[in-house]
Amino acid sequence: MTLAMQVIGGKWKLLILNAIRKECPARFGELRDKMVDITHATLTAQLRELERDGVIERKAYAVSPPKVEYKLTELGKLLIPVMQALCDWGEAFRQSAVVSAERIEEGTAE
């Protein structure tokens, strides 16, 4: 678990990987637009780390303006069920939080 968290842990990496998973290949500008709170430098650094660790692949095209695409490697694709499980858990948590909030409002919470 420690090694996995070293590779995919942190505030942005799973969000970046999930964005690439949903729209593969993903261009740098598309990723930046989807994650409005991330800085250009942070996105660049996180993408480089993920590429270095073999989780994503970067393909640069010799065109003007520069075009760069990112996609999951075979190793990165192994994370798809993990990301889906986290998405499913988040949705279940959101639903339970809504139910809990409704119970609190109704005065039926224990």
N, C-alpha and C. Protein backbone atom coordinates (compact mmCIF):
# COMPACT_ATOMS: atom_id res chain seq x y z
N MET A 1 0.83 -1.19 0.00
CA MET A 1 0.00 0.00 0.00
C MET A 1 0.88 1.26 0.00
N THR A 2 1.98 1.22 0.74
CA THR A 2 2.86 2.39 0.82
C THR A 2 3.42 2.75 -0.55
N LEU A 3 3.87 1.76 -1.29
CA LEU A 3 4.42 2.03 -2.63
C LEU A 3 3.35 2.58 -3.56
N ALA A 4 2.16 2.00 -3.50
CA ALA A 4 1.06 2.49 -4.34
C ALA A 4 0.76 3.94 -4.02
N MET A 5 0.73 4.29 -2.75
CA MET A 5 0.43 5.67 -2.36
C MET A 5 1.56 6.61 -2.77
N GLN A 6 2.78 6.12 -2.79
CA GLN A 6 3.88 6.96 -3.27
C GLN A 6 3.71 7.28 -4.76
N VAL A 7 3.16 6.36 -5.51
CA VAL A 7 3.01 6.54 -6.95
C VAL A 7 1.75 7.33 -7.29
N ILE A 8 0.62 7.02 -6.66
CA ILE A 8 -0.65 7.65 -7.05
C ILE A 8 -1.26 8.53 -5.97
N GLY A 9 -0.57 8.68 -4.85
CA GLY A 9 -1.11 9.48 -3.76
C GLY A 9 -1.00 10.97 -4.03
N GLY A 10 -1.53 11.73 -3.12
CA GLY A 10 -1.49 13.18 -3.24
C GLY A 10 -2.83 13.74 -3.68
N LYS A 11 -2.88 15.03 -3.78
CA LYS A 11 -4.13 15.73 -4.07
C LYS A 11 -4.60 15.54 -5.51
N TRP A 12 -3.69 15.46 -6.46
CA TRP A 12 -4.06 15.56 -7.86
C TRP A 12 -3.94 14.29 -8.70
N LYS A 13 -3.08 13.36 -8.34
CA LYS A 13 -2.77 12.27 -9.26
C LYS A 13 -3.97 11.41 -9.63
N LEU A 14 -4.77 11.00 -8.68
CA LEU A 14 -5.93 10.17 -9.02
C LEU A 14 -6.94 10.97 -9.84
N LEU A 15 -7.07 12.25 -9.55
CA LEU A 15 -7.97 13.09 -10.35
C LEU A 15 -7.47 13.20 -11.79
N ILE A 16 -6.17 13.36 -11.95
CA ILE A 16 -5.58 13.42 -13.29
C ILE A 16 -5.78 12.09 -14.01
N LEU A 17 -5.48 11.00 -13.33
CA LEU A 17 -5.63 9.67 -13.94
C LEU A 17 -7.08 9.40 -14.31
N ASN A 18 -8.01 9.79 -13.47
CA ASN A 18 -9.42 9.59 -13.77
C ASN A 18 -9.85 10.41 -14.98
N ALA A 19 -9.34 11.63 -15.09
CA ALA A 19 -9.65 12.47 -16.25
C ALA A 19 -9.10 11.85 -17.53
N ILE A 20 -7.89 11.31 -17.45
CA ILE A 20 -7.30 10.64 -18.62
C ILE A 20 -8.10 9.39 -18.95
N ARG A 21 -8.52 8.66 -17.93
CA ARG A 21 -9.33 7.44 -18.14
C ARG A 21 -10.62 7.77 -18.88
N LYS A 22 -11.25 8.86 -18.51
CA LYS A 22 -12.54 9.22 -19.10
C LYS A 22 -12.40 9.74 -20.52
N GLU A 23 -11.29 10.38 -20.82
CA GLU A 23 -11.08 10.93 -22.16
C GLU A 23 -9.67 10.61 -22.60
N CYS A 24 -9.52 9.43 -23.16
CA CYS A 24 -8.19 8.94 -23.51
C CYS A 24 -8.05 8.86 -25.03
N PRO A 25 -7.05 9.47 -25.62
CA PRO A 25 -6.01 10.25 -24.97
C PRO A 25 -6.51 11.64 -24.58
N ALA A 26 -5.86 12.23 -23.60
CA ALA A 26 -6.23 13.55 -23.12
C ALA A 26 -5.10 14.53 -23.41
N ARG A 27 -5.47 15.69 -23.86
CA ARG A 27 -4.48 16.73 -24.12
C ARG A 27 -4.26 17.56 -22.87
N PHE A 28 -3.08 18.17 -22.79
CA PHE A 28 -2.72 18.95 -21.62
C PHE A 28 -3.76 20.03 -21.32
N GLY A 29 -4.14 20.77 -22.33
CA GLY A 29 -5.11 21.85 -22.13
C GLY A 29 -6.45 21.36 -21.62
N GLU A 30 -6.88 20.20 -22.10
CA GLU A 30 -8.14 19.62 -21.64
C GLU A 30 -8.05 19.26 -20.16
N LEU A 31 -6.92 18.69 -19.77
CA LEU A 31 -6.72 18.34 -18.36
C LEU A 31 -6.73 19.59 -17.49
N ARG A 32 -6.04 20.62 -17.94
CA ARG A 32 -5.97 21.88 -17.19
C ARG A 32 -7.37 22.50 -17.06
N ASP A 33 -8.16 22.43 -18.13
CA ASP A 33 -9.51 23.00 -18.10
C ASP A 33 -10.42 22.23 -17.15
N LYS A 34 -10.24 20.92 -17.05
CA LYS A 34 -11.08 20.11 -16.18
C LYS A 34 -10.75 20.30 -14.70
N MET A 35 -9.51 20.67 -14.41
CA MET A 35 -9.06 20.85 -13.04
C MET A 35 -8.68 22.30 -12.83
N VAL A 36 -9.69 23.12 -12.63
CA VAL A 36 -9.48 24.57 -12.62
C VAL A 36 -8.61 25.05 -11.47
N ASP A 37 -8.53 24.31 -10.40
CA ASP A 37 -7.74 24.75 -9.24
C ASP A 37 -6.27 24.36 -9.30
N ILE A 38 -5.89 23.56 -10.28
CA ILE A 38 -4.49 23.13 -10.37
C ILE A 38 -3.70 24.15 -11.17
N THR A 39 -2.48 24.41 -10.73
CA THR A 39 -1.64 25.34 -11.48
C THR A 39 -0.98 24.61 -12.65
N HIS A 40 -0.54 25.38 -13.61
CA HIS A 40 0.15 24.83 -14.77
C HIS A 40 1.37 24.03 -14.32
N ALA A 41 2.14 24.60 -13.40
CA ALA A 41 3.37 23.96 -12.92
C ALA A 41 3.06 22.66 -12.18
N THR A 42 2.03 22.65 -11.37
CA THR A 42 1.68 21.45 -10.62
C THR A 42 1.20 20.35 -11.55
N LEU A 43 0.35 20.71 -12.52
CA LEU A 43 -0.12 19.71 -13.48
C LEU A 43 1.05 19.12 -14.25
N THR A 44 1.96 19.97 -14.69
CA THR A 44 3.14 19.50 -15.41
C THR A 44 3.96 18.55 -14.55
N ALA A 45 4.20 18.93 -13.31
CA ALA A 45 5.01 18.10 -12.41
C ALA A 45 4.34 16.75 -12.14
N GLN A 46 3.02 16.76 -11.91
CA GLN A 46 2.31 15.52 -11.62
C GLN A 46 2.30 14.60 -12.84
N LEU A 47 2.11 15.18 -14.03
CA LEU A 47 2.15 14.37 -15.25
C LEU A 47 3.53 13.77 -15.46
N ARG A 48 4.57 14.53 -15.20
CA ARG A 48 5.94 14.01 -15.35
C ARG A 48 6.20 12.86 -14.39
N GLU A 49 5.73 13.00 -13.15
CA GLU A 49 5.92 11.92 -12.17
C GLU A 49 5.16 10.66 -12.59
N LEU A 50 3.94 10.83 -13.06
CA LEU A 50 3.16 9.67 -13.50
C LEU A 50 3.80 9.01 -14.72
N GLU A 51 4.35 9.82 -15.60
CA GLU A 51 5.06 9.27 -16.77
C GLU A 51 6.34 8.56 -16.32
N ARG A 52 7.08 9.16 -15.43
CA ARG A 52 8.31 8.56 -14.92
C ARG A 52 8.04 7.20 -14.27
N ASP A 53 6.91 7.11 -13.57
CA ASP A 53 6.56 5.88 -12.87
C ASP A 53 5.89 4.85 -13.78
N GLY A 54 5.71 5.18 -15.06
CA GLY A 54 5.16 4.23 -16.02
C GLY A 54 3.66 4.07 -15.97
N VAL A 55 2.96 5.03 -15.37
CA VAL A 55 1.51 4.93 -15.24
C VAL A 55 0.81 5.56 -16.44
N ILE A 56 1.41 6.60 -17.01
CA ILE A 56 0.88 7.22 -18.21
C ILE A 56 1.96 7.31 -19.27
N GLU A 57 1.52 7.51 -20.49
CA GLU A 57 2.43 7.66 -21.63
C GLU A 57 2.17 9.04 -22.23
N ARG A 58 3.24 9.72 -22.57
CA ARG A 58 3.15 11.05 -23.17
C ARG A 58 3.55 10.95 -24.63
N LYS A 59 2.73 11.54 -25.50
CA LYS A 59 3.06 11.55 -26.92
C LYS A 59 3.02 13.00 -27.39
N ALA A 60 4.18 13.48 -27.88
CA ALA A 60 4.29 14.85 -28.38
C ALA A 60 4.30 14.82 -29.89
N TYR A 61 3.54 15.72 -30.49
CA TYR A 61 3.46 15.84 -31.94
C TYR A 61 4.26 17.06 -32.38
N ALA A 62 4.96 16.92 -33.49
CA ALA A 62 5.78 18.02 -34.01
C ALA A 62 4.92 18.94 -34.87
N VAL A 63 4.05 19.68 -34.21
CA VAL A 63 3.17 20.62 -34.90
C VAL A 63 3.23 21.96 -34.16
N SER A 64 2.71 22.98 -34.82
CA SER A 64 2.63 24.29 -34.18
C SER A 64 1.18 24.72 -34.21
N PRO A 65 0.57 25.03 -33.07
CA PRO A 65 1.13 25.01 -31.72
C PRO A 65 1.39 23.58 -31.25
N PRO A 66 2.24 23.44 -30.25
CA PRO A 66 2.58 22.09 -29.76
C PRO A 66 1.35 21.31 -29.32
N LYS A 67 1.36 20.03 -29.62
CA LYS A 67 0.27 19.14 -29.23
C LYS A 67 0.87 17.97 -28.45
N VAL A 68 0.35 17.77 -27.25
CA VAL A 68 0.82 16.68 -26.40
C VAL A 68 -0.41 15.93 -25.89
N GLU A 69 -0.36 14.61 -25.98
CA GLU A 69 -1.45 13.77 -25.49
C GLU A 69 -0.93 12.81 -24.44
N TYR A 70 -1.80 12.49 -23.51
CA TYR A 70 -1.47 11.55 -22.45
C TYR A 70 -2.49 10.42 -22.46
N LYS A 71 -1.99 9.20 -22.24
CA LYS A 71 -2.90 8.06 -22.11
C LYS A 71 -2.34 7.10 -21.07
N LEU A 72 -3.22 6.26 -20.55
CA LEU A 72 -2.81 5.27 -19.57
C LEU A 72 -1.97 4.19 -20.24
N THR A 73 -0.92 3.77 -19.56
CA THR A 73 -0.15 2.62 -20.02
C THR A 73 -0.89 1.36 -19.57
N GLU A 74 -0.37 0.21 -19.94
CA GLU A 74 -0.97 -1.04 -19.47
C GLU A 74 -0.97 -1.09 -17.94
N LEU A 75 0.12 -0.62 -17.34
CA LEU A 75 0.19 -0.55 -15.88
C LEU A 75 -0.85 0.41 -15.34
N GLY A 76 -1.01 1.54 -16.00
CA GLY A 76 -2.00 2.52 -15.58
C GLY A 76 -3.42 1.99 -15.71
N LYS A 77 -3.67 1.19 -16.74
CA LYS A 77 -5.01 0.62 -16.93
C LYS A 77 -5.41 -0.31 -15.79
N LEU A 78 -4.41 -0.86 -15.09
CA LEU A 78 -4.72 -1.70 -13.93
C LEU A 78 -5.39 -0.89 -12.82
N LEU A 79 -5.26 0.43 -12.88
CA LEU A 79 -5.88 1.30 -11.88
C LEU A 79 -7.35 1.61 -12.18
N ILE A 80 -7.83 1.27 -13.37
CA ILE A 80 -9.21 1.59 -13.74
C ILE A 80 -10.21 1.00 -12.75
N PRO A 81 -10.13 -0.28 -12.37
CA PRO A 81 -11.09 -0.79 -11.38
C PRO A 81 -10.98 -0.09 -10.03
N VAL A 82 -9.77 0.32 -9.67
CA VAL A 82 -9.57 1.03 -8.41
C VAL A 82 -10.26 2.39 -8.48
N MET A 83 -10.05 3.11 -9.59
CA MET A 83 -10.69 4.42 -9.74
C MET A 83 -12.20 4.28 -9.79
N GLN A 84 -12.70 3.24 -10.49
CA GLN A 84 -14.15 3.05 -10.55
C GLN A 84 -14.71 2.73 -9.18
N ALA A 85 -13.99 1.91 -8.41
CA ALA A 85 -14.44 1.59 -7.05
C ALA A 85 -14.49 2.85 -6.19
N LEU A 86 -13.50 3.73 -6.32
CA LEU A 86 -13.51 4.98 -5.57
C LEU A 86 -14.66 5.88 -6.00
N CYS A 87 -14.93 5.94 -7.30
CA CYS A 87 -16.07 6.72 -7.79
C CYS A 87 -17.38 6.17 -7.24
N ASP A 88 -17.52 4.85 -7.26
CA ASP A 88 -18.73 4.21 -6.74
C ASP A 88 -18.88 4.47 -5.24
N TRP A 89 -17.78 4.36 -4.51
CA TRP A 89 -17.82 4.60 -3.08
C TRP A 89 -18.21 6.06 -2.80
N GLY A 90 -17.64 6.98 -3.55
CA GLY A 90 -17.96 8.39 -3.38
C GLY A 90 -19.44 8.66 -3.61
N GLU A 91 -20.00 8.04 -4.63
CA GLU A 91 -21.43 8.21 -4.91
C GLU A 91 -22.27 7.62 -3.78
N ALA A 92 -21.89 6.44 -3.28
CA ALA A 92 -22.61 5.83 -2.16
C ALA A 92 -22.51 6.71 -0.92
N PHE A 93 -21.33 7.27 -0.68
CA PHE A 93 -21.15 8.15 0.47
C PHE A 93 -22.01 9.40 0.33
N ARG A 94 -22.03 9.97 -0.88
CA ARG A 94 -22.84 11.16 -1.12
C ARG A 94 -24.31 10.87 -0.86
N GLN A 95 -24.75 9.72 -1.33
CA GLN A 95 -26.16 9.33 -1.11
C GLN A 95 -26.44 9.13 0.38
N SER A 96 -25.51 8.49 1.10
CA SER A 96 -25.74 8.27 2.53
C SER A 96 -25.67 9.59 3.29
N ALA A 97 -24.85 10.51 2.84
CA ALA A 97 -24.76 11.82 3.49
C ALA A 97 -26.05 12.60 3.28
N VAL A 98 -26.65 12.47 2.10
CA VAL A 98 -27.93 13.13 1.82
C VAL A 98 -29.01 12.54 2.71
N VAL A 99 -29.03 11.22 2.83
CA VAL A 99 -30.02 10.56 3.68
C VAL A 99 -29.81 10.97 5.12
N SER A 100 -28.56 11.00 5.58
CA SER A 100 -28.28 11.40 6.96
C SER A 100 -28.72 12.83 7.22
N ALA A 101 -28.44 13.71 6.26
CA ALA A 101 -28.84 15.11 6.42
C ALA A 101 -30.36 15.23 6.47
N GLU A 102 -31.04 14.46 5.65
CA GLU A 102 -32.50 14.48 5.66
C GLU A 102 -33.05 13.98 6.99
N ARG A 103 -32.41 12.94 7.53
CA ARG A 103 -32.86 12.40 8.83
C ARG A 103 -32.63 13.41 9.93
N ILE A 104 -31.52 14.11 9.87
CA ILE A 104 -31.23 15.13 10.88
C ILE A 104 -32.28 16.23 10.80
N GLU A 105 -32.62 16.66 9.59
CA GLU A 105 -33.62 17.71 9.40
C GLU A 105 -35.00 17.24 9.90
N GLU A 106 -35.31 15.96 9.68
CA GLU A 106 -36.60 15.42 10.11
C GLU A 106 -36.63 15.09 11.60
N GLY A 107 -35.44 15.06 12.22
CA GLY A 107 -35.37 14.70 13.63
C GLY A 107 -35.45 13.22 13.88
N THR A 108 -35.17 12.40 12.83
CA THR A 108 -35.24 10.95 12.99
C THR A 108 -33.88 10.30 13.08
N ALA A 109 -32.82 11.10 13.12
CA ALA A 109 -31.47 10.53 13.21
C ALA A 109 -31.24 9.99 14.60
N GLU A 110 -30.53 8.90 14.67
CA GLU A 110 -30.23 8.30 15.98
C GLU A 110 -28.87 8.71 16.45
